[in-house]
N, C-alpha and C. Protein backbone atom coordinates (compact mmCIF):
# COMPACT_ATOMS: atom_id res chain seq x y z
N MET A 1 7.68 -204.43 -98.28
CA MET A 1 8.29 -203.92 -99.36
C MET A 1 7.78 -202.51 -99.74
N ALA A 2 6.43 -202.42 -99.86
CA ALA A 2 5.77 -200.87 -99.88
C ALA A 2 6.27 -199.64 -99.29
N ARG A 3 6.89 -200.38 -97.84
CA ARG A 3 7.29 -199.52 -96.88
C ARG A 3 8.58 -198.78 -97.30
N LEU A 4 9.45 -199.69 -98.00
CA LEU A 4 10.92 -199.20 -98.09
C LEU A 4 10.86 -198.65 -99.21
N LYS A 5 9.89 -199.26 -100.33
CA LYS A 5 9.76 -198.01 -101.70
C LYS A 5 9.42 -196.75 -101.36
N MET A 6 8.34 -196.60 -100.37
CA MET A 6 7.88 -195.07 -100.04
C MET A 6 9.05 -194.28 -99.24
N ALA A 7 9.46 -195.00 -98.28
CA ALA A 7 10.60 -194.32 -97.59
C ALA A 7 11.76 -193.94 -98.46
N ILE A 8 12.22 -194.55 -99.34
CA ILE A 8 13.17 -194.21 -100.60
C ILE A 8 12.46 -192.92 -101.23
N LEU A 9 11.46 -193.14 -101.75
CA LEU A 9 10.69 -192.28 -102.58
C LEU A 9 10.69 -190.76 -101.73
N ILE A 10 10.14 -190.95 -100.57
CA ILE A 10 10.34 -189.71 -99.79
C ILE A 10 11.58 -189.08 -99.51
N GLU A 11 12.53 -189.86 -99.27
CA GLU A 11 14.15 -189.50 -99.04
C GLU A 11 14.48 -188.76 -100.17
N ARG A 12 14.17 -189.25 -101.48
CA ARG A 12 14.80 -188.87 -102.58
C ARG A 12 14.13 -187.39 -102.84
N TYR A 13 12.65 -187.35 -102.58
CA TYR A 13 11.76 -186.22 -102.92
C TYR A 13 12.40 -185.02 -102.02
N LEU A 14 12.68 -185.39 -100.56
CA LEU A 14 13.13 -184.50 -99.99
C LEU A 14 14.48 -183.88 -100.17
N GLY A 15 15.40 -184.70 -100.52
CA GLY A 15 16.72 -184.33 -101.13
C GLY A 15 16.85 -183.38 -102.22
N ARG A 16 15.85 -183.57 -103.18
CA ARG A 16 16.00 -183.00 -104.16
C ARG A 16 14.86 -181.36 -104.09
N PHE A 17 13.76 -181.34 -103.19
CA PHE A 17 12.88 -180.18 -103.03
C PHE A 17 13.07 -179.64 -101.72
N GLU A 18 13.67 -180.25 -100.63
CA GLU A 18 13.59 -179.72 -99.30
C GLU A 18 13.83 -178.13 -99.16
N SER A 19 14.74 -177.64 -99.91
CA SER A 19 15.39 -176.45 -99.69
C SER A 19 14.74 -175.46 -100.14
N ASN A 20 13.69 -175.95 -101.27
CA ASN A 20 12.88 -175.01 -101.73
C ASN A 20 11.28 -175.18 -101.49
N LEU A 21 11.01 -175.99 -100.47
CA LEU A 21 9.84 -176.62 -100.16
C LEU A 21 8.74 -175.11 -99.56
N THR A 22 7.61 -175.13 -100.50
CA THR A 22 6.82 -174.00 -99.54
C THR A 22 5.70 -174.31 -99.04
N VAL A 23 5.14 -173.46 -98.10
CA VAL A 23 4.04 -174.12 -97.08
C VAL A 23 3.33 -174.88 -97.58
N THR A 24 2.68 -174.36 -98.82
CA THR A 24 1.66 -175.18 -99.65
C THR A 24 2.21 -176.61 -99.86
N GLN A 25 3.31 -176.89 -100.37
CA GLN A 25 3.78 -178.17 -100.77
C GLN A 25 4.20 -178.89 -99.61
N SER A 26 4.35 -178.00 -98.39
CA SER A 26 4.56 -179.11 -97.18
C SER A 26 3.41 -179.45 -96.71
N GLN A 27 2.34 -178.77 -96.86
CA GLN A 27 0.89 -179.38 -96.46
C GLN A 27 0.53 -180.73 -97.17
N GLY A 28 0.75 -180.30 -98.37
CA GLY A 28 0.56 -181.36 -99.37
C GLY A 28 1.52 -183.02 -99.15
N LEU A 29 2.67 -182.49 -98.69
CA LEU A 29 3.48 -183.73 -98.54
C LEU A 29 3.18 -184.40 -97.10
N SER A 30 2.51 -183.35 -96.18
CA SER A 30 2.03 -184.07 -94.80
C SER A 30 0.97 -184.83 -95.38
N THR A 31 -0.03 -184.32 -95.89
CA THR A 31 -1.24 -185.30 -96.19
C THR A 31 -0.82 -186.50 -96.98
N LEU A 32 0.03 -186.63 -97.86
CA LEU A 32 0.39 -187.70 -98.59
C LEU A 32 1.19 -188.76 -97.44
N THR A 33 1.93 -188.07 -96.85
CA THR A 33 2.65 -189.25 -95.76
C THR A 33 1.91 -189.68 -94.77
N ALA A 34 0.69 -188.96 -94.75
CA ALA A 34 -0.13 -189.60 -93.69
C ALA A 34 -1.24 -190.77 -94.13
N LEU A 35 -1.02 -190.92 -95.32
CA LEU A 35 -1.60 -192.22 -95.83
C LEU A 35 -0.82 -193.60 -95.80
N SER A 36 -1.40 -194.56 -95.58
CA SER A 36 -0.99 -195.74 -95.64
C SER A 36 0.27 -195.90 -96.79
N ASP A 37 1.03 -196.71 -96.66
CA ASP A 37 2.32 -196.95 -97.69
C ASP A 37 1.67 -197.39 -99.08
N ASN A 38 0.63 -198.45 -98.69
CA ASN A 38 0.19 -199.01 -100.08
C ASN A 38 -0.78 -197.98 -100.68
N ASP A 39 -1.36 -197.14 -99.96
CA ASP A 39 -2.21 -195.99 -100.75
C ASP A 39 -1.30 -194.94 -101.11
N LEU A 40 -0.22 -194.68 -100.69
CA LEU A 40 0.66 -193.74 -101.13
C LEU A 40 1.46 -194.05 -102.53
N LEU A 41 1.83 -195.50 -102.20
CA LEU A 41 2.39 -196.12 -103.58
C LEU A 41 1.39 -196.32 -104.78
N ASP A 42 0.18 -196.83 -104.50
CA ASP A 42 -0.95 -196.67 -105.46
C ASP A 42 -1.12 -195.24 -106.01
N LEU A 43 -0.93 -194.14 -105.46
CA LEU A 43 -0.96 -192.83 -105.93
C LEU A 43 0.07 -192.42 -106.91
N ASN A 44 0.97 -192.73 -106.17
CA ASN A 44 2.54 -192.47 -107.12
C ASN A 44 2.64 -193.31 -108.36
N LEU A 45 2.04 -194.61 -108.36
CA LEU A 45 2.19 -195.50 -109.46
C LEU A 45 1.12 -195.32 -110.28
N ALA A 46 0.00 -194.23 -110.02
CA ALA A 46 -1.05 -194.00 -110.75
C ALA A 46 -2.05 -195.19 -110.75
N ARG A 47 -2.24 -196.15 -109.74
CA ARG A 47 -3.15 -197.22 -109.89
C ARG A 47 -4.40 -196.33 -109.03
N GLN A 48 -4.29 -195.49 -108.31
CA GLN A 48 -5.45 -194.75 -107.93
C GLN A 48 -5.26 -193.37 -108.43
N THR A 49 -6.52 -192.69 -108.29
CA THR A 49 -6.29 -191.29 -108.61
C THR A 49 -6.48 -190.33 -107.21
N LEU A 50 -6.36 -189.16 -107.38
CA LEU A 50 -6.51 -188.41 -106.00
C LEU A 50 -8.05 -188.50 -106.11
N ALA A 51 -9.03 -188.22 -106.66
CA ALA A 51 -10.22 -188.07 -106.37
C ALA A 51 -10.72 -189.47 -105.77
N GLN A 52 -10.29 -190.58 -106.27
CA GLN A 52 -10.64 -191.81 -105.62
C GLN A 52 -10.06 -191.99 -104.18
N ALA A 53 -9.11 -191.05 -103.94
CA ALA A 53 -8.53 -191.32 -102.42
C ALA A 53 -9.03 -189.95 -101.74
N ASP A 54 -10.07 -189.30 -102.45
CA ASP A 54 -10.55 -188.28 -101.80
C ASP A 54 -9.67 -187.25 -101.40
N LEU A 55 -8.47 -187.08 -102.18
CA LEU A 55 -7.76 -185.99 -102.02
C LEU A 55 -7.53 -184.84 -103.11
N HIS A 56 -8.52 -184.55 -103.73
CA HIS A 56 -8.72 -183.94 -104.93
C HIS A 56 -8.20 -182.26 -104.54
N ARG A 57 -7.04 -182.11 -104.26
CA ARG A 57 -6.37 -180.70 -103.66
C ARG A 57 -5.31 -180.41 -104.41
N ASP A 58 -5.33 -179.16 -104.71
CA ASP A 58 -4.02 -178.52 -105.65
C ASP A 58 -2.70 -179.04 -104.99
N ASP A 59 -2.50 -178.72 -103.67
CA ASP A 59 -1.28 -179.04 -102.69
C ASP A 59 -0.96 -180.43 -103.38
N VAL A 60 -1.96 -181.23 -102.68
CA VAL A 60 -1.31 -182.69 -103.03
C VAL A 60 -1.22 -183.16 -104.43
N ARG A 61 -1.78 -182.63 -104.99
CA ARG A 61 -1.44 -182.85 -106.78
C ARG A 61 -0.17 -182.39 -107.12
N GLU A 62 0.31 -181.10 -106.70
CA GLU A 62 1.71 -180.40 -106.81
C GLU A 62 2.73 -181.57 -106.29
N VAL A 63 2.33 -181.63 -104.90
CA VAL A 63 3.67 -182.64 -104.53
C VAL A 63 3.55 -184.05 -105.39
N LEU A 64 2.31 -184.64 -105.59
CA LEU A 64 2.45 -185.80 -106.16
C LEU A 64 3.04 -185.83 -107.64
N CYS A 65 2.99 -184.63 -108.36
CA CYS A 65 3.63 -184.41 -109.61
C CYS A 65 5.01 -184.49 -109.44
N MET A 66 5.63 -183.91 -108.16
CA MET A 66 6.91 -183.70 -107.89
C MET A 66 7.46 -184.96 -107.58
N LEU A 67 6.84 -185.94 -106.69
CA LEU A 67 7.21 -187.09 -106.34
C LEU A 67 7.53 -187.98 -107.90
N ARG A 68 6.66 -188.09 -108.68
CA ARG A 68 6.51 -188.83 -109.88
C ARG A 68 7.81 -188.15 -110.89
N LYS A 69 8.16 -186.82 -110.66
CA LYS A 69 9.21 -186.52 -111.64
C LYS A 69 10.52 -187.46 -111.57
N PRO A 70 10.70 -187.80 -112.80
CA PRO A 70 12.01 -188.67 -112.87
C PRO A 70 13.30 -187.87 -112.57
N LEU A 71 14.03 -188.68 -111.67
CA LEU A 71 15.58 -188.13 -111.22
C LEU A 71 16.09 -187.87 -112.47
N GLU A 72 17.08 -186.67 -112.50
CA GLU A 72 17.99 -186.31 -113.58
C GLU A 72 19.33 -186.71 -113.49
N ARG A 73 19.81 -187.63 -114.36
CA ARG A 73 21.09 -188.31 -114.14
C ARG A 73 22.22 -187.15 -114.11
N GLN A 74 23.01 -187.32 -113.48
CA GLN A 74 24.38 -186.38 -113.59
C GLN A 74 25.41 -187.04 -114.62
N GLU A 75 26.34 -186.26 -115.29
CA GLU A 75 27.17 -186.55 -116.12
C GLU A 75 28.11 -187.78 -115.89
N ASN A 76 28.39 -187.66 -114.62
CA ASN A 76 29.54 -188.67 -114.06
C ASN A 76 28.66 -189.86 -113.08
N GLU A 77 27.57 -189.99 -113.52
CA GLU A 77 26.77 -190.73 -112.31
C GLU A 77 27.09 -192.17 -113.07
N ILE A 78 27.33 -193.14 -112.15
CA ILE A 78 27.47 -194.63 -112.40
C ILE A 78 26.11 -195.26 -112.27
N ILE A 79 25.71 -195.96 -113.34
CA ILE A 79 24.43 -196.72 -113.22
C ILE A 79 24.73 -198.35 -113.01
């Protein structure tokens, strides 16, 4: 289940930010996607800190904040 959730999360992230992704953000994303699905999910849900995961880096923190940013609903979006 965690694998599917993380795949959806990464897919949404890329859909939102891929066209403007910087080299630094790309490095942070690469670091995060190298984690196990459960570790990445724990970071995304704030059940684990970057310090606990030994990933206390600005690039990783920036991408994690972007991953956590709520999706903005479109006016004509059906929920």
